[in-house]
C-alpha atoms as a PDB file:
ATOM      1  CA  GLN A   1      -5.994  14.470 -37.702  1.00  0.00           C
ATOM      2  CA  VAL A   2      -6.385  11.253 -35.587  1.00  0.00           C
ATOM      3  CA  GLN A   3      -5.890  11.441 -31.787  1.00  0.00           C
ATOM      4  CA  LEU A   4      -5.954   8.565 -29.281  1.00  0.00           C
ATOM      5  CA  VAL A   5      -6.009  10.060 -25.545  1.00  0.00           C
ATOM      6  CA  GLU A   6      -6.082   6.506 -22.713  1.00  0.00           C
ATOM      7  CA  SER A   7      -7.070   7.249 -19.031  1.00  0.00           C
ATOM      8  CA  GLY A   8      -7.206   4.748 -16.053  1.00  0.00           C
ATOM      9  CA  GLY A   9      -3.863   2.833 -14.815  1.00  0.00           C
ATOM     10  CA  GLY A  10      -2.182   3.528 -11.835  1.00  0.00           C
ATOM     11  CA  LEU A  11      -0.489   1.516  -8.621  1.00  0.00           C
ATOM     12  CA  VAL A  12      -2.405  -1.520  -7.864  1.00  0.00           C
ATOM     13  CA  GLN A  13      -1.067  -4.147  -5.527  1.00  0.00           C
ATOM     14  CA  PRO A  14      -0.905  -7.860  -6.839  1.00  0.00           C
ATOM     15  CA  GLY A  15      -4.264  -9.227  -6.928  1.00  0.00           C
ATOM     16  CA  GLY A  16      -6.034  -6.175  -8.133  1.00  0.00           C
ATOM     17  CA  SER A  17      -7.981  -4.753 -10.250  1.00  0.00           C
ATOM     18  CA  LEU A  18      -7.354  -1.707 -12.737  1.00  0.00           C
ATOM     19  CA  SER A  19      -9.642  -0.250 -15.796  1.00  0.00           C
ATOM     20  CA  LEU A  20      -7.795   1.780 -18.765  1.00  0.00           C
ATOM     21  CA  SER A  21     -10.028   3.284 -21.998  1.00  0.00           C
ATOM     22  CA  CYS A  22      -9.493   4.864 -25.138  1.00  0.00           C
ATOM     23  CA  ALA A  23     -10.766   7.556 -26.710  1.00  0.00           C
ATOM     24  CA  ALA A  24     -10.426   7.798 -30.959  1.00  0.00           C
ATOM     25  CA  SER A  25     -11.619  11.744 -32.218  1.00  0.00           C
ATOM     26  CA  GLY A  26     -10.610  13.635 -35.041  1.00  0.00           C
ATOM     27  CA  SER A  27     -11.205  12.903 -38.667  1.00  0.00           C
ATOM     28  CA  ILE A  28     -12.339   9.240 -38.397  1.00  0.00           C
ATOM     29  CA  PHE A  29     -14.514   8.048 -41.597  1.00  0.00           C
ATOM     30  CA  ARG A  30     -14.514   4.063 -39.856  1.00  0.00           C
ATOM     31  CA  VAL A  31     -12.811   2.707 -36.820  1.00  0.00           C
ATOM     32  CA  ILE A  32     -11.806  -0.841 -37.751  1.00  0.00           C
ATOM     33  CA  SER A  33      -9.758  -2.209 -34.610  1.00  0.00           C
ATOM     34  CA  MET A  34      -8.926  -1.045 -31.229  1.00  0.00           C
ATOM     35  CA  GLY A  35      -6.415  -2.750 -29.169  1.00  0.00           C
ATOM     36  CA  TRP A  36      -4.097  -2.319 -26.597  1.00  0.00           C
ATOM     37  CA  TYR A  37       0.017  -3.277 -26.192  1.00  0.00           C
ATOM     38  CA  ARG A  38       2.298  -2.692 -23.340  1.00  0.00           C
ATOM     39  CA  GLN A  39       6.205  -1.953 -23.028  1.00  0.00           C
ATOM     40  CA  ALA A  40       7.462  -3.325 -20.144  1.00  0.00           C
ATOM     41  CA  PRO A  41      11.552  -1.774 -19.084  1.00  0.00           C
ATOM     42  CA  GLY A  42      13.607  -3.023 -21.314  1.00  0.00           C
ATOM     43  CA  LYS A  43      11.348  -5.230 -23.592  1.00  0.00           C
ATOM     44  CA  GLN A  44       9.619  -4.910 -26.482  1.00  0.00           C
ATOM     45  CA  ARG A  45       6.442  -4.203 -27.458  1.00  0.00           C
ATOM     46  CA  GLU A  46       4.215  -6.584 -26.891  1.00  0.00           C
ATOM     47  CA  LEU A  47       0.324  -7.314 -27.800  1.00  0.00           C
ATOM     48  CA  VAL A  48      -2.143  -7.474 -24.739  1.00  0.00           C
ATOM     49  CA  ALA A  49      -5.280  -7.745 -26.482  1.00  0.00           C
ATOM     50  CA  THR A  50      -7.601  -6.772 -29.362  1.00  0.00           C
ATOM     51  CA  ILE A  51     -11.074  -6.072 -31.147  1.00  0.00           C
ATOM     52  CA  ASN A  52     -12.123  -5.626 -33.727  1.00  0.00           C
ATOM     53  CA  SER A  53     -15.132  -3.762 -35.224  1.00  0.00           C
ATOM     54  CA  GLY A  54     -17.148  -7.366 -35.453  1.00  0.00           C
ATOM     55  CA  GLY A  55     -16.638  -8.028 -31.724  1.00  0.00           C
ATOM     56  CA  SER A  56     -13.884 -10.267 -32.001  1.00  0.00           C
ATOM     57  CA  ARG A  57     -11.423 -10.785 -29.649  1.00  0.00           C
ATOM     58  CA  ASN A  58      -7.685 -11.558 -29.373  1.00  0.00           C
ATOM     59  CA  TYR A  59      -6.223 -12.167 -26.313  1.00  0.00           C
ATOM     60  CA  ALA A  60      -2.196 -12.610 -25.196  1.00  0.00           C
ATOM     61  CA  ASP A  61      -1.514 -15.880 -23.587  1.00  0.00           C
ATOM     62  CA  ASP A  62      -1.166 -14.642 -20.643  1.00  0.00           C
ATOM     63  CA  VAL A  63      -3.738 -12.482 -19.998  1.00  0.00           C
ATOM     64  CA  LYS A  64      -6.677 -14.574 -21.167  1.00  0.00           C
ATOM     65  CA  GLY A  65      -8.712 -14.807 -18.665  1.00  0.00           C
ATOM     66  CA  ARG A  66      -7.911 -12.102 -15.810  1.00  0.00           C
ATOM     67  CA  PHE A  67      -8.621  -9.141 -18.725  1.00  0.00           C
ATOM     68  CA  THR A  68     -11.158  -8.668 -21.075  1.00  0.00           C
ATOM     69  CA  ILE A  69     -11.265  -6.108 -24.026  1.00  0.00           C
ATOM     70  CA  SER A  70     -14.513  -4.491 -24.841  1.00  0.00           C
ATOM     71  CA  ARG A  71     -15.528  -1.660 -27.139  1.00  0.00           C
ATOM     72  CA  ASP A  72     -18.180   1.171 -27.811  1.00  0.00           C
ATOM     73  CA  ASN A  73     -18.294   1.540 -31.410  1.00  0.00           C
ATOM     74  CA  ALA A  74     -20.425   4.183 -31.252  1.00  0.00           C
ATOM     75  CA  LYS A  75     -17.730   6.293 -29.100  1.00  0.00           C
ATOM     76  CA  ASN A  76     -14.958   5.221 -30.754  1.00  0.00           C
ATOM     77  CA  THR A  77     -13.561   3.821 -27.402  1.00  0.00           C
ATOM     78  CA  VAL A  78     -12.110   0.401 -26.650  1.00  0.00           C
ATOM     79  CA  TYR A  79     -11.821  -0.198 -22.986  1.00  0.00           C
ATOM     80  CA  LEU A  80      -9.695  -2.951 -21.158  1.00  0.00           C
ATOM     81  CA  GLN A  81     -10.480  -4.283 -17.625  1.00  0.00           C
ATOM     82  CA  MET A  82      -7.588  -5.978 -16.047  1.00  0.00           C
ATOM     83  CA  ASN A  83      -7.927  -8.366 -12.855  1.00  0.00           C
ATOM     84  CA  SER A  84      -5.995 -10.580 -10.936  1.00  0.00           C
ATOM     85  CA  LEU A  85      -2.681  -8.488 -11.537  1.00  0.00           C
ATOM     86  CA  LYS A  86       0.745  -9.457 -11.188  1.00  0.00           C
ATOM     87  CA  PRO A  87       3.717  -7.506 -11.261  1.00  0.00           C
ATOM     88  CA  GLU A  88       4.988  -8.809 -14.440  1.00  0.00           C
ATOM     89  CA  ASP A  89       2.232  -6.659 -15.354  1.00  0.00           C
ATOM     90  CA  THR A  90       3.785  -3.813 -14.885  1.00  0.00           C
ATOM     91  CA  ALA A  91       4.249  -2.110 -18.061  1.00  0.00           C
ATOM     92  CA  VAL A  92       3.327   1.126 -19.873  1.00  0.00           C
ATOM     93  CA  TYR A  93       0.451   0.311 -21.946  1.00  0.00           C
ATOM     94  CA  TYR A  94      -0.579   1.596 -25.452  1.00  0.00           C
ATOM     95  CA  CYS A  95      -3.682   2.195 -27.093  1.00  0.00           C
ATOM     96  CA  ASP A  96      -3.300   1.135 -31.106  1.00  0.00           C
ATOM     97  CA  ALA A  97      -6.468   1.802 -33.533  1.00  0.00           C
ATOM     98  CA  TYR A  98      -6.885   0.910 -37.354  1.00  0.00           C
ATOM     99  CA  ILE A  99      -7.908   3.849 -38.976  1.00  0.00           C
ATOM    100  CA  TYR A 100     -10.219   5.084 -41.959  1.00  0.00           C
ATOM    101  CA  THR A 101      -9.815   8.364 -42.491  1.00  0.00           C
ATOM    102  CA  SER A 102     -11.999   8.485 -45.483  1.00  0.00           C
ATOM    103  CA  HIS A 103     -12.899   5.820 -47.796  1.00  0.00           C
ATOM    104  CA  ILE A 104      -9.831   5.060 -49.359  1.00  0.00           C
ATOM    105  CA  SER A 105      -7.190   6.005 -46.634  1.00  0.00           C
ATOM    106  CA  PHE A 106      -6.475   4.216 -43.494  1.00  0.00           C
ATOM    107  CA  ASP A 107      -3.596   4.131 -40.945  1.00  0.00           C
ATOM    108  CA  GLU A 108      -2.774   2.768 -37.729  1.00  0.00           C
ATOM    109  CA  TYR A 109      -2.388   4.721 -34.749  1.00  0.00           C
ATOM    110  CA  TRP A 110      -1.089   5.325 -31.429  1.00  0.00           C
ATOM    111  CA  GLY A 111      -2.251   6.344 -27.353  1.00  0.00           C
ATOM    112  CA  GLN A 112       0.499   8.109 -25.569  1.00  0.00           C
ATOM    113  CA  GLY A 113       1.235   5.314 -23.455  1.00  0.00           C
ATOM    114  CA  THR A 114      -0.472   4.705 -19.375  1.00  0.00           C
ATOM    115  CA  GLN A 115       1.866   3.503 -17.144  1.00  0.00           C
ATOM    116  CA  VAL A 116       0.193   0.232 -15.111  1.00  0.00           C
ATOM    117  CA  THR A 117       2.456  -0.667 -11.551  1.00  0.00           C
ATOM    118  CA  VAL A 118       1.196  -3.660  -9.892  1.00  0.00           C
ATOM    119  CA  SER A 119       3.565  -3.743  -6.421  1.00  0.00           C
ATOM    120  CA  SER A 120       2.660  -3.986  -2.831  1.00  0.00           C
END
């Protein structure tokens, strides 16, 4: 059993900053990649950023230069620092991870989601 527990999020004014974190726990053999997705009302879930175990990062075009993803491999935790937030960043943010639970078995796991609202 693997769990992803997110924290952070909330309400912030346009131009402000927020930080999200997500910790993976449970029967973890090895975490391959971790990332963040978001889903706004009436829209499909979309990629925000990912980071693999080697530290390679991938960002959606509309968050490049504003968001930074980082990872603590020892803690199986991924972070998302969000700066210069815009109203269009408002969404439920979900943590995602590909995790080996044994040397031959891996799966994709999701967090429960955390609300980020950017509004004046």
